[in-house]
Amino acid sequence: MVNHTIDSPSAEDALPEISLRDTEAAFVEILPVIAPHDRIAVDTEADSLHCYFEKLCLIQISVPGSDMLVDPLADFSLTPLWEALRGKEIVFHGADYDLRLLRRTGCPRIPRIFDTMLGARLCGYKEFSYAALLKLFFGLEIGKASQKANWARRPLSPQMVAYAVNDTRHLLKVAELVEADLVKLGRRAWLDQMCERAIRSAELDKEIDPDQVWRISGSGTLRGRAAAIFRELWRWREEEAKKVDRPTFHIMNSEMMIHAAEKFDRGDRVEIAHLRGSREHHFYEAAKRGQALPQSEWPQFIRAERIRPTQEQLSEIENFKKRRDKVAVEFQIDPSLIAPKATLEGLAFRPEETLAKLLPWQREVMGL
């Protein structure tokens, strides 16, 4: 890491009073504030911990001298904001989630980003969370009390407002410092390539196999009719969560559901104390559906065929690993940034396909 000499915010800096832009009149006031700046700090908050249907609940925006909070839940269009951000470089810390959330809310493709987390990792920082960078650069301690708050609630508490504002208030200064290190280390282009890949990745929705989506952590031990019962209970829980727009664990936790499936399979009595009324009725109906399914309709567990590497391939993987680790030590960065384990195996099993997926800087440092 390179030493810097730039003005740092003091830990005692007073956080100015920030109001939530929750009317169209207040919202449009931020547009001319954003306009003169080419680099904009952005963060988002969602309600995924408190609702079934995830939605964007807050947009934090900072430019030099101004911190702004926009309420996406208010009754006005965000289109003017998307237009105001067009052509700007947007600074995120860990961009993937924010990009996906903004895209689902109607934000067009953001062509230029600067991800401070990726940049910090490319510089070799051992700790690269936003809180760690603020402490490292400025000696600032940022509270985490609102990290799991319900951001869909209104009004926002003063504590939540302060937490939200701090997510972007210092982000531009962090980006300046990280960028200075990248330039001095000759790795600025590396970050550009990784940010471009992050943008492309966020435009793709992960495909979920409807026949596999119910196979959650812990359910892999279930077999036969027990698995069929559990699958029906999982479907019951999804429907109940959708009805009330609550997270599935608010309906029933997974461990309880797995144990219930096992008991139903054995013919044991199953009593769930917190279930009442129609929800309880639908729970037992789901279990009966699973119990009644013929064996031909029980879930099948087919082991994925393992590719057994040849001795030559094992040697190739080991050679790629040694080469990667040597480069990682030389550049003092995490080896997985250069090529994770799956990539090393891909280079041995599917070299052309894997090479095409590597970024230019990764191929260069690996001599590929």
Protein backbone atom coordinates (compact mmCIF):
# COMPACT_ATOMS: atom_id res chain seq x y z
CA MET A 1 0.00 0.00 0.00
CA VAL A 2 1.26 3.44 -0.94
CA ASN A 3 1.47 6.31 1.58
CA HIS A 4 -0.77 9.30 0.88
CA THR A 5 -0.86 12.99 1.73
CA ILE A 6 -4.41 14.20 1.27
CA ASP A 7 -6.79 15.92 3.62
CA SER A 8 -8.74 13.35 5.60
CA PRO A 9 -12.08 13.86 7.28
CA SER A 10 -11.87 14.07 11.02
CA ALA A 11 -13.56 11.49 13.20
CA GLU A 12 -15.17 14.42 14.96
CA ASP A 13 -16.72 15.87 11.80
CA ALA A 14 -20.34 16.71 12.54
CA LEU A 15 -22.82 14.98 10.28
CA PRO A 16 -25.04 17.68 8.78
CA GLU A 17 -28.77 17.28 9.10
CA ILE A 18 -29.99 15.36 6.07
CA SER A 19 -33.63 15.13 5.07
CA LEU A 20 -35.12 12.27 3.09
CA ARG A 21 -36.17 13.36 -0.41
CA ASP A 22 -39.63 11.84 -0.32
CA THR A 23 -41.56 14.34 -2.43
CA GLU A 24 -41.09 15.12 -6.10
CA ALA A 25 -40.33 18.78 -5.30
CA ALA A 26 -37.57 17.82 -2.86
CA PHE A 27 -36.30 15.11 -5.21
CA VAL A 28 -35.79 17.34 -8.24
CA GLU A 29 -33.70 19.75 -6.14
CA ILE A 30 -30.83 17.25 -6.12
CA LEU A 31 -30.57 17.02 -9.90
CA PRO A 32 -28.67 20.31 -10.42
CA VAL A 33 -26.44 19.37 -7.46
CA ILE A 34 -25.39 16.18 -9.25
CA ALA A 35 -25.05 17.70 -12.71
CA PRO A 36 -21.56 19.34 -12.47
CA HIS A 37 -19.82 16.25 -11.14
CA ASP A 38 -18.37 13.43 -13.22
CA ARG A 39 -17.88 11.04 -10.27
CA ILE A 40 -20.85 10.23 -8.01
CA ALA A 41 -20.87 8.05 -4.88
CA VAL A 42 -23.94 5.79 -4.65
CA ASP A 43 -25.20 3.15 -2.26
CA THR A 44 -28.57 1.46 -1.78
CA GLU A 45 -30.62 -0.12 0.99
CA ALA A 46 -33.25 -2.83 0.48
CA ASP A 47 -35.67 -4.71 2.72
CA SER A 48 -34.72 -8.30 1.90
CA LEU A 49 -34.46 -9.23 5.59
CA HIS A 50 -38.01 -8.09 6.32
CA CYS A 51 -40.06 -8.85 3.19
CA TYR A 52 -40.50 -11.66 0.68
CA PHE A 53 -40.54 -9.36 -2.33
CA GLU A 54 -37.27 -7.47 -2.16
CA LYS A 55 -37.50 -3.81 -3.12
CA LEU A 56 -35.24 -0.79 -3.25
CA CYS A 57 -35.94 1.32 -0.15
CA LEU A 58 -33.26 4.00 -0.17
CA ILE A 59 -30.68 5.52 -2.51
CA GLN A 60 -27.73 7.35 -0.96
CA ILE A 61 -25.88 9.81 -3.17
CA SER A 62 -22.83 11.93 -2.39
CA VAL A 63 -20.87 14.50 -4.37
CA PRO A 64 -18.23 16.83 -2.93
CA GLY A 65 -19.98 18.97 -0.32
CA SER A 66 -23.41 17.31 -0.57
CA ASP A 67 -24.98 14.13 0.79
CA MET A 68 -28.48 13.21 -0.37
CA LEU A 69 -31.03 10.51 0.44
CA VAL A 70 -33.71 9.61 -2.11
CA ASP A 71 -36.86 7.69 -1.19
CA PRO A 72 -37.68 5.17 -3.98
CA LEU A 73 -40.85 4.19 -2.11
CA ALA A 74 -42.36 7.66 -2.54
CA ASP A 75 -44.85 8.43 -5.29
CA PHE A 76 -42.67 9.88 -8.03
CA SER A 77 -40.65 8.57 -10.97
CA LEU A 78 -36.92 8.00 -10.59
CA THR A 79 -36.35 8.47 -14.33
CA PRO A 80 -34.90 11.99 -13.89
CA LEU A 81 -32.30 10.51 -11.53
CA TRP A 82 -31.32 7.80 -14.01
CA GLU A 83 -30.92 10.51 -16.66
CA ALA A 84 -28.85 12.66 -14.29
CA LEU A 85 -26.47 9.74 -13.65
CA ARG A 86 -26.06 8.97 -17.36
CA GLY A 87 -22.45 9.37 -18.45
CA LYS A 88 -21.15 9.68 -14.89
CA GLU A 89 -18.69 7.38 -13.20
CA ILE A 90 -20.55 5.81 -10.27
CA VAL A 91 -18.52 4.84 -7.22
CA PHE A 92 -19.74 1.80 -5.27
CA HIS A 93 -18.23 -0.35 -2.57
CA GLY A 94 -19.08 -3.89 -3.64
CA ALA A 95 -21.05 -2.99 -6.76
CA ASP A 96 -22.72 -6.29 -7.69
CA TYR A 97 -25.72 -6.14 -5.34
CA ASP A 98 -26.35 -2.43 -5.91
CA LEU A 99 -26.19 -2.82 -9.69
CA ARG A 100 -28.68 -5.70 -9.65
CA LEU A 101 -31.05 -3.87 -7.32
CA LEU A 102 -30.94 -0.66 -9.38
CA ARG A 103 -31.48 -2.59 -12.61
CA ARG A 104 -34.56 -4.30 -11.20
CA THR A 105 -35.89 -0.86 -10.23
CA GLY A 106 -35.63 0.46 -13.78
CA CYS A 107 -32.18 2.03 -13.84
CA PRO A 108 -30.61 1.65 -17.30
CA ARG A 109 -27.18 0.12 -17.72
CA ILE A 110 -24.50 2.06 -15.84
CA PRO A 111 -21.50 2.00 -18.20
CA ARG A 112 -18.81 3.32 -15.84
CA ILE A 113 -18.24 2.30 -12.24
CA PHE A 114 -15.40 2.43 -9.73
CA ASP A 115 -15.67 -0.34 -7.16
CA THR A 116 -13.58 0.59 -4.12
CA MET A 117 -13.75 -2.94 -2.72
CA LEU A 118 -12.31 -4.49 -5.88
CA GLY A 119 -9.75 -1.70 -6.06
CA ALA A 120 -8.64 -2.25 -2.47
CA ARG A 121 -8.22 -5.97 -3.10
CA LEU A 122 -6.14 -5.29 -6.22
CA CYS A 123 -3.93 -3.04 -4.11
CA GLY A 124 -3.34 -5.88 -1.69
CA TYR A 125 -5.22 -4.52 1.34
CA LYS A 126 -5.70 -7.35 3.82
CA GLU A 127 -8.97 -5.87 5.08
CA PHE A 128 -11.16 -4.31 2.42
CA SER A 129 -14.62 -3.79 3.94
CA TYR A 130 -15.85 -0.20 3.78
CA ALA A 131 -15.60 0.08 7.58
CA ALA A 132 -12.01 -1.24 7.47
CA LEU A 133 -11.00 1.29 4.80
CA LEU A 134 -12.54 4.20 6.72
CA LYS A 135 -10.62 3.17 9.82
CA LEU A 136 -7.42 2.62 7.87
CA PHE A 137 -7.48 5.90 5.96
CA PHE A 138 -9.23 8.26 8.36
CA GLY A 139 -9.44 6.61 11.76
CA LEU A 140 -13.23 6.70 11.51
CA GLU A 141 -15.43 4.19 13.33
CA ILE A 142 -18.80 3.71 11.64
CA GLY A 143 -21.59 2.15 13.70
CA LYS A 144 -23.30 -1.01 12.43
CA ALA A 145 -26.47 -0.77 14.54
CA SER A 146 -28.68 -0.06 11.50
CA GLN A 147 -27.09 -2.65 9.21
CA LYS A 148 -30.10 -4.98 9.49
CA ALA A 149 -32.74 -2.30 10.00
CA ASN A 150 -36.07 -2.39 8.18
CA TRP A 151 -35.42 0.22 5.51
CA ALA A 152 -39.01 0.08 4.26
CA ARG A 153 -40.28 1.70 7.46
CA ARG A 154 -41.06 5.37 7.56
CA PRO A 155 -40.03 7.67 9.05
CA LEU A 156 -36.38 6.71 9.16
CA SER A 157 -34.85 7.13 12.60
CA PRO A 158 -31.99 9.66 13.04
CA GLN A 159 -29.70 6.68 13.65
CA MET A 160 -30.71 5.10 10.33
CA VAL A 161 -30.24 8.39 8.49
CA ALA A 162 -26.74 8.79 9.94
CA TYR A 163 -25.84 5.21 9.02
CA ALA A 164 -27.13 5.65 5.46
CA VAL A 165 -25.35 8.95 4.87
CA ASN A 166 -22.04 7.58 6.18
CA ASP A 167 -22.20 4.83 3.54
CA THR A 168 -21.41 7.38 0.81
CA ARG A 169 -20.22 10.48 2.63
CA HIS A 170 -16.55 9.40 2.58
CA LEU A 171 -16.73 7.06 -0.42
CA LEU A 172 -15.32 9.56 -2.94
CA LYS A 173 -12.27 10.22 -0.74
CA VAL A 174 -11.77 6.47 -0.34
CA ALA A 175 -11.95 6.12 -4.13
CA GLU A 176 -9.28 8.83 -4.54
CA LEU A 177 -6.90 7.02 -2.21
CA VAL A 178 -7.51 3.59 -3.72
CA GLU A 179 -7.14 4.98 -7.23
CA ALA A 180 -3.83 6.64 -6.29
CA ASP A 181 -2.51 3.28 -5.12
CA LEU A 182 -3.73 1.54 -8.26
CA VAL A 183 -2.02 4.09 -10.50
CA LYS A 184 1.28 3.89 -8.60
CA LEU A 185 1.16 0.11 -8.70
CA GLY A 186 0.29 0.10 -12.41
CA ARG A 187 -3.02 -1.69 -11.81
CA ARG A 188 -5.61 0.92 -12.74
CA ALA A 189 -6.44 -0.96 -15.95
CA TRP A 190 -6.94 -4.12 -13.92
CA LEU A 191 -9.75 -2.45 -11.99
CA ASP A 192 -11.35 -1.16 -15.21
CA GLN A 193 -11.49 -4.72 -16.53
CA MET A 194 -12.96 -6.09 -13.30
CA CYS A 195 -15.57 -3.32 -13.12
CA GLU A 196 -16.62 -3.97 -16.71
CA ARG A 197 -17.07 -7.64 -15.88
CA ALA A 198 -19.12 -6.70 -12.80
CA ILE A 199 -21.41 -4.57 -14.97
CA ARG A 200 -21.92 -7.40 -17.45
CA SER A 201 -22.52 -9.92 -14.68
CA ALA A 202 -25.16 -7.75 -13.00
CA GLU A 203 -27.16 -7.65 -16.24
CA LEU A 204 -27.70 -11.41 -16.10
CA ASP A 205 -30.29 -13.06 -13.88
CA LYS A 206 -29.12 -16.25 -12.29
CA GLU A 207 -31.07 -19.17 -13.70
CA ILE A 208 -32.84 -21.24 -11.05
CA ASP A 209 -33.99 -24.76 -11.85
CA PRO A 210 -37.58 -24.99 -10.53
CA ASP A 211 -37.02 -28.69 -9.86
CA GLN A 212 -34.01 -27.94 -7.67
CA VAL A 213 -34.83 -24.62 -5.98
CA TRP A 214 -36.45 -26.33 -2.97
CA ARG A 215 -33.23 -28.18 -2.14
CA ILE A 216 -32.04 -25.85 0.60
CA SER A 217 -29.25 -26.21 3.14
CA GLY A 218 -29.89 -29.15 5.44
CA SER A 219 -32.45 -30.88 3.22
CA GLY A 220 -29.86 -33.02 1.44
CA THR A 221 -30.16 -35.75 4.08
CA LEU A 222 -33.83 -36.37 3.18
CA ARG A 223 -34.58 -39.25 0.85
CA GLY A 224 -37.62 -40.89 -0.70
CA ARG A 225 -41.02 -39.92 0.64
CA ALA A 226 -39.49 -37.62 3.28
CA ALA A 227 -37.98 -35.55 0.48
CA ALA A 228 -41.33 -35.47 -1.33
CA ILE A 229 -43.07 -34.24 1.83
CA PHE A 230 -40.41 -31.62 2.42
CA ARG A 231 -40.75 -30.34 -1.16
CA GLU A 232 -44.49 -29.79 -0.57
CA LEU A 233 -43.81 -28.06 2.76
CA TRP A 234 -41.27 -25.82 1.04
CA ARG A 235 -43.87 -24.86 -1.55
CA TRP A 236 -46.40 -24.20 1.24
CA ARG A 237 -43.93 -21.90 3.00
CA GLU A 238 -43.20 -19.96 -0.20
CA GLU A 239 -46.89 -19.34 -0.83
CA GLU A 240 -47.55 -18.26 2.75
CA ALA A 241 -44.58 -15.87 2.66
CA LYS A 242 -45.79 -14.34 -0.59
CA LYS A 243 -49.29 -13.79 0.80
CA VAL A 244 -48.07 -11.64 3.67
CA ASP A 245 -44.86 -10.35 2.02
CA ARG A 246 -42.66 -11.63 4.82
CA PRO A 247 -39.37 -13.58 4.71
CA THR A 248 -39.84 -17.33 4.63
CA PHE A 249 -38.13 -17.81 8.00
CA HIS A 250 -40.93 -15.75 9.56
CA ILE A 251 -43.34 -18.48 8.48
CA MET A 252 -41.22 -21.42 9.64
CA ASN A 253 -37.50 -21.93 9.92
CA SER A 254 -35.90 -24.52 7.68
CA GLU A 255 -34.67 -26.82 10.43
CA MET A 256 -38.19 -27.12 11.87
CA MET A 257 -39.55 -27.89 8.41
CA ILE A 258 -36.95 -30.61 7.80
CA HIS A 259 -37.75 -32.25 11.13
CA ALA A 260 -41.49 -32.05 10.35
CA ALA A 261 -40.94 -33.83 7.01
CA GLU A 262 -39.04 -36.62 8.77
CA LYS A 263 -41.82 -37.04 11.34
CA PHE A 264 -44.57 -37.05 8.72
CA ASP A 265 -42.65 -39.74 6.83
CA ARG A 266 -42.46 -41.92 9.95
CA GLY A 267 -46.13 -41.37 10.67
CA ASP A 268 -45.39 -39.47 13.89
CA ARG A 269 -47.65 -36.72 15.21
CA VAL A 270 -46.48 -33.24 14.17
CA GLU A 271 -47.50 -30.20 16.18
CA ILE A 272 -46.25 -26.70 15.35
CA ALA A 273 -47.18 -24.38 18.21
CA HIS A 274 -47.06 -21.07 16.31
CA LEU A 275 -49.31 -22.16 13.41
CA ARG A 276 -52.92 -21.04 13.51
CA GLY A 277 -56.03 -20.94 11.31
CA SER A 278 -55.73 -21.30 7.55
CA ARG A 279 -51.94 -21.35 7.66
CA GLU A 280 -51.99 -24.40 9.92
CA HIS A 281 -54.61 -26.04 7.69
CA HIS A 282 -52.56 -25.46 4.55
CA PHE A 283 -49.45 -26.81 6.29
CA TYR A 284 -51.08 -30.17 7.01
CA GLU A 285 -52.64 -30.27 3.55
CA ALA A 286 -49.17 -29.82 2.03
CA ALA A 287 -47.84 -32.68 4.15
CA LYS A 288 -50.71 -34.93 3.03
CA ARG A 289 -49.96 -34.16 -0.63
CA GLY A 290 -46.36 -35.21 -0.12
CA GLN A 291 -47.36 -38.38 1.72
CA ALA A 292 -49.79 -39.34 -1.05
CA LEU A 293 -47.33 -39.02 -3.92
CA PRO A 294 -46.44 -42.31 -5.62
CA GLN A 295 -42.80 -43.37 -5.50
CA SER A 296 -42.43 -42.50 -9.18
CA GLU A 297 -42.96 -38.83 -8.28
CA TRP A 298 -40.57 -38.70 -5.35
CA PRO A 299 -37.52 -36.44 -5.87
CA GLN A 300 -34.63 -38.24 -7.47
CA PHE A 301 -31.12 -37.68 -6.22
CA ILE A 302 -28.76 -38.13 -9.10
CA ARG A 303 -25.12 -37.74 -8.27
CA ALA A 304 -23.33 -35.43 -10.63
CA GLU A 305 -20.78 -37.32 -12.63
CA ARG A 306 -17.35 -36.46 -11.34
CA ILE A 307 -14.63 -35.87 -13.84
CA ARG A 308 -11.68 -37.89 -12.69
CA PRO A 309 -8.59 -35.99 -13.72
CA THR A 310 -5.76 -37.84 -15.34
CA GLN A 311 -2.34 -37.73 -13.77
CA GLU A 312 -1.29 -35.33 -16.52
CA GLN A 313 -4.19 -33.01 -15.67
CA LEU A 314 -3.38 -33.16 -11.96
CA SER A 315 0.16 -32.12 -12.79
CA GLU A 316 -1.14 -29.26 -14.93
CA ILE A 317 -3.39 -28.02 -12.12
CA GLU A 318 -0.50 -28.11 -9.67
CA ASN A 319 1.77 -26.24 -12.10
CA PHE A 320 -0.90 -23.57 -12.68
CA LYS A 321 -1.33 -23.24 -8.92
CA LYS A 322 2.41 -22.80 -8.34
CA ARG A 323 2.57 -20.20 -11.11
CA ARG A 324 -0.45 -18.33 -9.72
CA ASP A 325 0.80 -18.40 -6.13
CA LYS A 326 4.22 -17.11 -7.18
CA VAL A 327 2.58 -14.19 -8.99
CA ALA A 328 0.30 -13.51 -6.00
CA VAL A 329 3.31 -13.28 -3.67
CA GLU A 330 5.10 -11.02 -6.14
CA PHE A 331 2.12 -8.63 -6.39
CA GLN A 332 1.05 -9.17 -2.74
CA ILE A 333 -2.58 -9.87 -3.63
CA ASP A 334 -5.03 -12.65 -2.88
CA PRO A 335 -4.32 -15.59 -5.24
CA SER A 336 -8.04 -16.05 -5.91
CA LEU A 337 -8.11 -12.64 -7.61
CA ILE A 338 -5.78 -14.00 -10.24
CA ALA A 339 -7.43 -17.41 -10.62
CA PRO A 340 -9.63 -19.25 -8.11
CA LYS A 341 -9.39 -23.02 -7.76
CA ALA A 342 -12.19 -23.64 -10.28
CA THR A 343 -10.31 -21.60 -12.88
CA LEU A 344 -7.11 -23.59 -12.34
CA GLU A 345 -9.06 -26.79 -12.89
CA GLY A 346 -10.75 -25.28 -15.94
CA LEU A 347 -7.36 -24.47 -17.46
CA ALA A 348 -6.52 -28.16 -17.23
CA PHE A 349 -9.91 -29.57 -18.30
CA ARG A 350 -11.29 -26.89 -20.67
CA PRO A 351 -8.36 -24.61 -21.56
CA GLU A 352 -9.90 -22.68 -24.48
CA GLU A 353 -13.20 -22.01 -22.70
CA THR A 354 -11.45 -21.00 -19.48
CA LEU A 355 -8.90 -18.76 -21.17
CA ALA A 356 -11.74 -16.86 -22.83
CA LYS A 357 -13.23 -16.11 -19.42
CA LEU A 358 -10.03 -14.75 -17.91
CA LEU A 359 -9.49 -11.01 -17.98
CA PRO A 360 -6.55 -9.67 -20.01
CA TRP A 361 -4.58 -8.72 -16.89
CA GLN A 362 -5.09 -12.19 -15.42
CA ARG A 363 -3.84 -13.87 -18.58
CA GLU A 364 -0.90 -11.51 -18.70
CA VAL A 365 0.36 -12.07 -15.14
CA MET A 366 -0.12 -15.82 -15.53
CA GLY A 367 1.79 -15.82 -18.82
CA LEU A 368 -1.12 -17.39 -20.70
